[in-house]
N, C-alpha and C. Protein backbone atom coordinates (compact mmCIF):
# COMPACT_ATOMS: atom_id res chain seq x y z
N LEU A 1 -20.54 -7.30 17.75
CA LEU A 1 -21.24 -6.41 16.84
C LEU A 1 -21.85 -5.23 17.60
N GLU A 2 -22.34 -5.52 18.80
CA GLU A 2 -22.95 -4.45 19.59
C GLU A 2 -21.90 -3.45 20.02
N LYS A 3 -20.76 -3.93 20.52
CA LYS A 3 -19.71 -3.03 20.99
C LYS A 3 -19.04 -2.27 19.85
N GLU A 4 -18.68 -2.99 18.78
CA GLU A 4 -17.93 -2.39 17.67
C GLU A 4 -18.76 -1.50 16.77
N PHE A 5 -20.01 -1.93 16.48
CA PHE A 5 -20.80 -1.25 15.47
C PHE A 5 -22.12 -0.69 15.98
N GLY A 6 -22.42 -0.89 17.25
CA GLY A 6 -23.67 -0.38 17.81
C GLY A 6 -24.91 -1.13 17.36
N VAL A 7 -24.72 -2.35 16.90
CA VAL A 7 -25.85 -3.16 16.42
C VAL A 7 -26.64 -3.67 17.62
N LYS A 8 -27.93 -3.53 17.57
CA LYS A 8 -28.80 -4.05 18.63
C LYS A 8 -29.12 -5.51 18.30
N PRO A 9 -28.85 -6.44 19.23
CA PRO A 9 -29.12 -7.84 18.97
C PRO A 9 -30.56 -8.12 18.54
N ALA A 10 -31.51 -7.38 19.07
CA ALA A 10 -32.92 -7.59 18.72
C ALA A 10 -33.20 -7.28 17.25
N ASN A 11 -32.29 -6.55 16.60
CA ASN A 11 -32.47 -6.21 15.18
C ASN A 11 -31.77 -7.19 14.24
N LEU A 12 -31.03 -8.13 14.78
CA LEU A 12 -30.31 -9.08 13.95
C LEU A 12 -31.20 -10.24 13.52
N ILE A 13 -30.83 -10.82 12.41
CA ILE A 13 -31.47 -12.04 11.91
C ILE A 13 -30.37 -13.09 11.84
N ALA A 14 -30.64 -14.26 12.38
CA ALA A 14 -29.63 -15.33 12.40
C ALA A 14 -30.15 -16.57 11.71
N SER A 15 -29.22 -17.30 11.13
CA SER A 15 -29.54 -18.58 10.51
C SER A 15 -28.62 -19.63 11.11
N ILE A 16 -29.20 -20.77 11.45
CA ILE A 16 -28.42 -21.90 11.95
C ILE A 16 -28.41 -22.94 10.84
N GLY A 17 -27.23 -23.21 10.36
CA GLY A 17 -27.09 -24.11 9.22
C GLY A 17 -27.31 -25.56 9.58
N PRO A 18 -27.12 -26.43 8.62
CA PRO A 18 -27.28 -27.87 8.86
C PRO A 18 -26.34 -28.34 9.96
N ALA A 19 -26.82 -29.26 10.75
CA ALA A 19 -26.03 -29.83 11.85
C ALA A 19 -26.54 -31.23 12.14
N ILE A 20 -25.74 -31.99 12.83
CA ILE A 20 -26.22 -33.30 13.25
C ILE A 20 -27.40 -33.09 14.20
N GLY A 21 -28.45 -33.84 14.00
CA GLY A 21 -29.66 -33.67 14.79
C GLY A 21 -29.68 -34.57 16.01
N PRO A 22 -30.60 -34.30 16.93
CA PRO A 22 -30.71 -35.14 18.12
C PRO A 22 -31.09 -36.58 17.77
N CYS A 23 -31.59 -36.78 16.57
CA CYS A 23 -31.89 -38.14 16.11
C CYS A 23 -30.63 -38.98 15.98
N CYS A 24 -29.48 -38.32 15.75
CA CYS A 24 -28.23 -39.03 15.47
C CYS A 24 -27.08 -38.65 16.40
N TYR A 25 -27.23 -37.58 17.19
CA TYR A 25 -26.11 -37.11 18.02
C TYR A 25 -26.14 -37.76 19.39
N GLU A 26 -25.81 -39.04 19.39
CA GLU A 26 -25.71 -39.82 20.61
C GLU A 26 -24.39 -39.49 21.28
N VAL A 27 -24.43 -39.17 22.57
CA VAL A 27 -23.22 -38.71 23.27
C VAL A 27 -22.92 -39.54 24.50
N ASP A 28 -21.64 -39.46 24.91
CA ASP A 28 -21.22 -40.06 26.17
C ASP A 28 -20.90 -38.93 27.14
N ASP A 29 -20.32 -39.27 28.29
CA ASP A 29 -20.04 -38.27 29.32
C ASP A 29 -19.07 -37.18 28.87
N LYS A 30 -18.21 -37.49 27.90
CA LYS A 30 -17.25 -36.50 27.40
C LYS A 30 -17.97 -35.27 26.84
N VAL A 31 -19.12 -35.46 26.24
CA VAL A 31 -19.94 -34.36 25.71
C VAL A 31 -21.02 -33.97 26.71
N LEU A 32 -21.63 -34.96 27.32
CA LEU A 32 -22.77 -34.73 28.20
C LEU A 32 -22.43 -33.86 29.41
N ILE A 33 -21.31 -34.11 30.04
CA ILE A 33 -20.94 -33.35 31.25
C ILE A 33 -20.76 -31.86 30.94
N PRO A 34 -20.02 -31.47 29.90
CA PRO A 34 -19.95 -30.03 29.59
C PRO A 34 -21.31 -29.41 29.23
N VAL A 35 -22.14 -30.15 28.52
CA VAL A 35 -23.47 -29.62 28.18
C VAL A 35 -24.24 -29.35 29.46
N MET A 36 -24.23 -30.29 30.36
CA MET A 36 -25.00 -30.16 31.59
C MET A 36 -24.43 -29.09 32.52
N SER A 37 -23.11 -28.89 32.50
CA SER A 37 -22.51 -27.95 33.44
C SER A 37 -22.30 -26.55 32.89
N ARG A 38 -22.19 -26.41 31.57
CA ARG A 38 -21.85 -25.11 31.00
C ARG A 38 -22.99 -24.43 30.25
N ILE A 39 -23.97 -25.21 29.84
CA ILE A 39 -25.09 -24.64 29.08
C ILE A 39 -26.23 -24.37 30.07
N PRO A 40 -26.72 -23.13 30.14
CA PRO A 40 -27.85 -22.87 31.04
C PRO A 40 -29.02 -23.80 30.71
N HIS A 41 -29.54 -24.43 31.73
CA HIS A 41 -30.65 -25.38 31.59
C HIS A 41 -30.29 -26.50 30.62
N GLY A 42 -29.03 -26.95 30.65
CA GLY A 42 -28.52 -27.96 29.72
C GLY A 42 -29.35 -29.23 29.66
N ALA A 43 -29.96 -29.61 30.75
CA ALA A 43 -30.73 -30.85 30.79
C ALA A 43 -31.89 -30.85 29.80
N LYS A 44 -32.43 -29.68 29.49
CA LYS A 44 -33.57 -29.65 28.56
C LYS A 44 -33.16 -29.96 27.12
N PHE A 45 -31.86 -29.98 26.84
CA PHE A 45 -31.37 -30.28 25.49
C PHE A 45 -30.90 -31.73 25.36
N VAL A 46 -31.05 -32.50 26.42
CA VAL A 46 -30.61 -33.89 26.45
C VAL A 46 -31.84 -34.79 26.52
N THR A 47 -31.84 -35.84 25.71
CA THR A 47 -32.95 -36.79 25.68
C THR A 47 -32.41 -38.20 25.79
N LYS A 48 -33.08 -39.01 26.57
CA LYS A 48 -32.71 -40.43 26.62
C LYS A 48 -33.22 -41.08 25.35
N CYS A 49 -32.39 -41.94 24.77
CA CYS A 49 -32.74 -42.62 23.52
C CYS A 49 -33.84 -43.64 23.73
N VAL A 50 -34.53 -43.87 22.67
CA VAL A 50 -35.47 -44.99 22.63
C VAL A 50 -34.70 -46.16 22.05
N GLY A 51 -34.71 -47.27 22.71
CA GLY A 51 -33.98 -48.43 22.21
C GLY A 51 -32.60 -48.52 22.81
N GLU A 52 -31.74 -49.28 22.16
CA GLU A 52 -30.40 -49.54 22.68
C GLU A 52 -29.39 -48.51 22.21
N ARG A 53 -28.35 -48.36 23.00
CA ARG A 53 -27.25 -47.48 22.66
C ARG A 53 -26.54 -48.01 21.42
N GLN A 54 -26.17 -47.10 20.51
CA GLN A 54 -25.52 -47.50 19.27
C GLN A 54 -24.12 -48.04 19.49
N GLU A 55 -23.37 -47.39 20.41
CA GLU A 55 -21.97 -47.78 20.60
C GLU A 55 -21.70 -48.08 22.06
N GLY A 56 -21.24 -49.26 22.36
CA GLY A 56 -20.84 -49.61 23.71
C GLY A 56 -22.00 -49.74 24.68
N ALA A 57 -21.63 -49.85 25.93
CA ALA A 57 -22.64 -50.01 26.98
C ALA A 57 -22.99 -48.66 27.59
N GLY A 58 -23.99 -48.66 28.43
CA GLY A 58 -24.36 -47.45 29.13
C GLY A 58 -25.69 -46.90 28.65
N ILE A 59 -26.09 -45.82 29.27
CA ILE A 59 -27.36 -45.18 28.94
C ILE A 59 -27.19 -44.38 27.65
N CYS A 60 -28.11 -44.53 26.76
CA CYS A 60 -28.08 -43.80 25.50
C CYS A 60 -28.74 -42.43 25.70
N GLN A 61 -28.01 -41.39 25.36
CA GLN A 61 -28.54 -40.03 25.44
C GLN A 61 -28.12 -39.24 24.21
N THR A 62 -29.00 -38.35 23.78
CA THR A 62 -28.70 -37.51 22.62
C THR A 62 -28.78 -36.04 23.03
N VAL A 63 -28.12 -35.19 22.25
CA VAL A 63 -28.11 -33.75 22.50
C VAL A 63 -28.62 -33.03 21.26
N ASP A 64 -29.39 -31.97 21.48
CA ASP A 64 -29.97 -31.15 20.41
C ASP A 64 -29.12 -29.89 20.25
N LEU A 65 -28.13 -29.94 19.37
CA LEU A 65 -27.21 -28.82 19.17
C LEU A 65 -27.89 -27.58 18.60
N VAL A 66 -28.84 -27.77 17.70
CA VAL A 66 -29.53 -26.62 17.09
C VAL A 66 -30.30 -25.86 18.16
N SER A 67 -30.99 -26.56 19.03
CA SER A 67 -31.74 -25.89 20.10
C SER A 67 -30.81 -25.19 21.07
N ILE A 68 -29.65 -25.76 21.34
CA ILE A 68 -28.67 -25.09 22.20
C ILE A 68 -28.23 -23.78 21.55
N ASN A 69 -27.92 -23.83 20.27
CA ASN A 69 -27.48 -22.61 19.58
C ASN A 69 -28.58 -21.55 19.56
N LYS A 70 -29.81 -21.97 19.31
CA LYS A 70 -30.93 -21.02 19.32
C LYS A 70 -31.09 -20.40 20.70
N SER A 71 -30.99 -21.20 21.74
CA SER A 71 -31.10 -20.71 23.11
C SER A 71 -29.99 -19.69 23.42
N GLU A 72 -28.78 -19.98 22.96
CA GLU A 72 -27.66 -19.06 23.18
C GLU A 72 -27.88 -17.73 22.46
N LEU A 73 -28.41 -17.78 21.25
CA LEU A 73 -28.70 -16.55 20.51
C LEU A 73 -29.77 -15.72 21.21
N ILE A 74 -30.80 -16.37 21.70
CA ILE A 74 -31.86 -15.66 22.42
C ILE A 74 -31.31 -15.05 23.71
N ALA A 75 -30.46 -15.79 24.41
CA ALA A 75 -29.84 -15.27 25.63
C ALA A 75 -28.96 -14.05 25.31
N GLY A 76 -28.43 -14.00 24.10
CA GLY A 76 -27.62 -12.87 23.67
C GLY A 76 -28.44 -11.69 23.19
N GLY A 77 -29.77 -11.81 23.19
CA GLY A 77 -30.62 -10.68 22.84
C GLY A 77 -31.34 -10.78 21.52
N LEU A 78 -31.12 -11.84 20.75
CA LEU A 78 -31.85 -11.98 19.49
C LEU A 78 -33.28 -12.41 19.77
N ARG A 79 -34.18 -12.02 18.92
CA ARG A 79 -35.58 -12.44 19.03
C ARG A 79 -35.70 -13.85 18.45
N GLY A 80 -36.47 -14.70 19.13
CA GLY A 80 -36.68 -16.05 18.63
C GLY A 80 -37.26 -16.07 17.24
N SER A 81 -38.10 -15.10 16.94
CA SER A 81 -38.72 -15.03 15.61
C SER A 81 -37.73 -14.60 14.52
N HIS A 82 -36.54 -14.15 14.93
CA HIS A 82 -35.51 -13.73 13.97
C HIS A 82 -34.46 -14.81 13.75
N ILE A 83 -34.71 -15.99 14.28
CA ILE A 83 -33.74 -17.09 14.15
C ILE A 83 -34.37 -18.21 13.32
N ARG A 84 -33.69 -18.59 12.26
CA ARG A 84 -34.16 -19.68 11.41
C ARG A 84 -33.12 -20.79 11.43
N ALA A 85 -33.59 -22.00 11.48
CA ALA A 85 -32.70 -23.16 11.42
C ALA A 85 -33.04 -23.97 10.17
N VAL A 86 -32.01 -24.41 9.47
CA VAL A 86 -32.21 -25.21 8.26
C VAL A 86 -33.00 -26.46 8.59
N GLY A 87 -32.66 -27.10 9.71
CA GLY A 87 -33.43 -28.24 10.17
C GLY A 87 -33.08 -29.58 9.55
N SER A 88 -32.04 -29.62 8.75
CA SER A 88 -31.62 -30.88 8.14
C SER A 88 -30.52 -31.52 8.97
N CYS A 89 -30.69 -32.79 9.30
CA CYS A 89 -29.66 -33.52 10.02
C CYS A 89 -28.57 -33.94 9.03
N THR A 90 -27.34 -33.54 9.32
CA THR A 90 -26.24 -33.87 8.41
C THR A 90 -25.94 -35.36 8.39
N SER A 91 -26.27 -36.06 9.46
CA SER A 91 -26.02 -37.51 9.48
C SER A 91 -27.09 -38.29 8.73
N CYS A 92 -28.32 -37.85 8.81
CA CYS A 92 -29.43 -38.54 8.13
C CYS A 92 -29.42 -38.33 6.62
N ASN A 93 -28.91 -37.20 6.18
CA ASN A 93 -28.99 -36.82 4.77
C ASN A 93 -27.66 -37.02 4.06
N GLU A 94 -27.33 -38.28 3.85
CA GLU A 94 -26.04 -38.66 3.29
C GLU A 94 -25.81 -38.08 1.89
N SER A 95 -26.86 -37.94 1.11
CA SER A 95 -26.69 -37.42 -0.26
C SER A 95 -26.45 -35.91 -0.29
N LEU A 96 -26.70 -35.23 0.82
CA LEU A 96 -26.54 -33.77 0.87
C LEU A 96 -25.34 -33.29 1.67
N PHE A 97 -24.98 -34.04 2.72
CA PHE A 97 -23.99 -33.53 3.68
C PHE A 97 -22.93 -34.56 4.03
N PHE A 98 -21.74 -34.06 4.36
CA PHE A 98 -20.71 -34.87 4.96
C PHE A 98 -21.07 -35.03 6.43
N SER A 99 -20.64 -36.12 7.05
CA SER A 99 -20.83 -36.31 8.48
C SER A 99 -19.72 -37.20 9.01
N HIS A 100 -18.84 -36.62 9.79
CA HIS A 100 -17.76 -37.40 10.39
C HIS A 100 -18.33 -38.49 11.29
N ARG A 101 -19.36 -38.16 12.03
CA ARG A 101 -19.96 -39.13 12.95
C ARG A 101 -20.55 -40.31 12.19
N ARG A 102 -21.17 -40.04 11.07
CA ARG A 102 -21.78 -41.11 10.27
C ARG A 102 -20.73 -41.91 9.53
N ASP A 103 -19.79 -41.23 8.88
CA ASP A 103 -18.84 -41.88 7.97
C ASP A 103 -17.52 -42.30 8.62
N ARG A 104 -17.21 -41.73 9.75
CA ARG A 104 -15.99 -42.03 10.53
C ARG A 104 -14.70 -41.55 9.89
N THR A 105 -14.49 -41.77 8.62
CA THR A 105 -13.26 -41.31 7.96
C THR A 105 -13.60 -40.84 6.56
N GLY A 106 -12.66 -40.14 5.96
CA GLY A 106 -12.81 -39.75 4.57
C GLY A 106 -13.91 -38.75 4.29
N THR A 107 -14.27 -37.93 5.28
CA THR A 107 -15.34 -36.97 5.04
C THR A 107 -14.79 -35.67 4.47
N GLY A 108 -15.63 -34.93 3.85
CA GLY A 108 -15.29 -33.59 3.37
C GLY A 108 -15.53 -32.59 4.49
N ARG A 109 -15.60 -31.34 4.14
CA ARG A 109 -15.81 -30.28 5.12
C ARG A 109 -16.90 -29.33 4.64
N HIS A 110 -17.52 -28.68 5.60
CA HIS A 110 -18.51 -27.64 5.33
C HIS A 110 -17.83 -26.30 5.57
N ILE A 111 -18.32 -25.26 4.93
CA ILE A 111 -17.76 -23.93 5.15
C ILE A 111 -18.88 -22.89 5.07
N ALA A 112 -18.73 -21.87 5.86
CA ALA A 112 -19.64 -20.72 5.79
C ALA A 112 -18.78 -19.48 5.81
N ILE A 113 -19.16 -18.50 5.03
CA ILE A 113 -18.44 -17.24 4.99
C ILE A 113 -19.44 -16.14 5.32
N VAL A 114 -19.07 -15.35 6.31
CA VAL A 114 -19.93 -14.26 6.76
C VAL A 114 -19.12 -12.99 6.69
N GLY A 115 -19.73 -11.90 6.25
CA GLY A 115 -19.01 -10.65 6.18
C GLY A 115 -19.94 -9.48 6.01
N PHE A 116 -19.36 -8.31 5.81
CA PHE A 116 -20.10 -7.08 5.60
C PHE A 116 -19.93 -6.60 4.18
N ARG A 117 -20.94 -5.94 3.67
CA ARG A 117 -20.84 -5.26 2.37
C ARG A 117 -20.96 -3.77 2.61
N ASP A 118 -20.24 -3.02 1.82
CA ASP A 118 -20.36 -1.55 1.91
C ASP A 118 -21.63 -1.10 1.23
């Protein structure tokens, strides 16, 4: 947007839609390693679980995807005060959202459409 249209990131307003929350996004090394190696300060978005791991053996850890996205937007020049997150966990709110992680099979899909108006 900045290159094509001259938009200043500090003037943008962003919304982060519903996503699986750290309450339910338990991860293994397949997710954890890229988060830790590719996301600046990735460790601050990872939390050790309280209690036992839901699936299999090993250390239980969760990732906060919404906070990662907010951090990436701020790093791109958006103001933190211009970023809003819906804050609903798609896994916890079964009556509102589909969740592949929660349901395993037979889930629907979410969609967002973004564009410009003249």
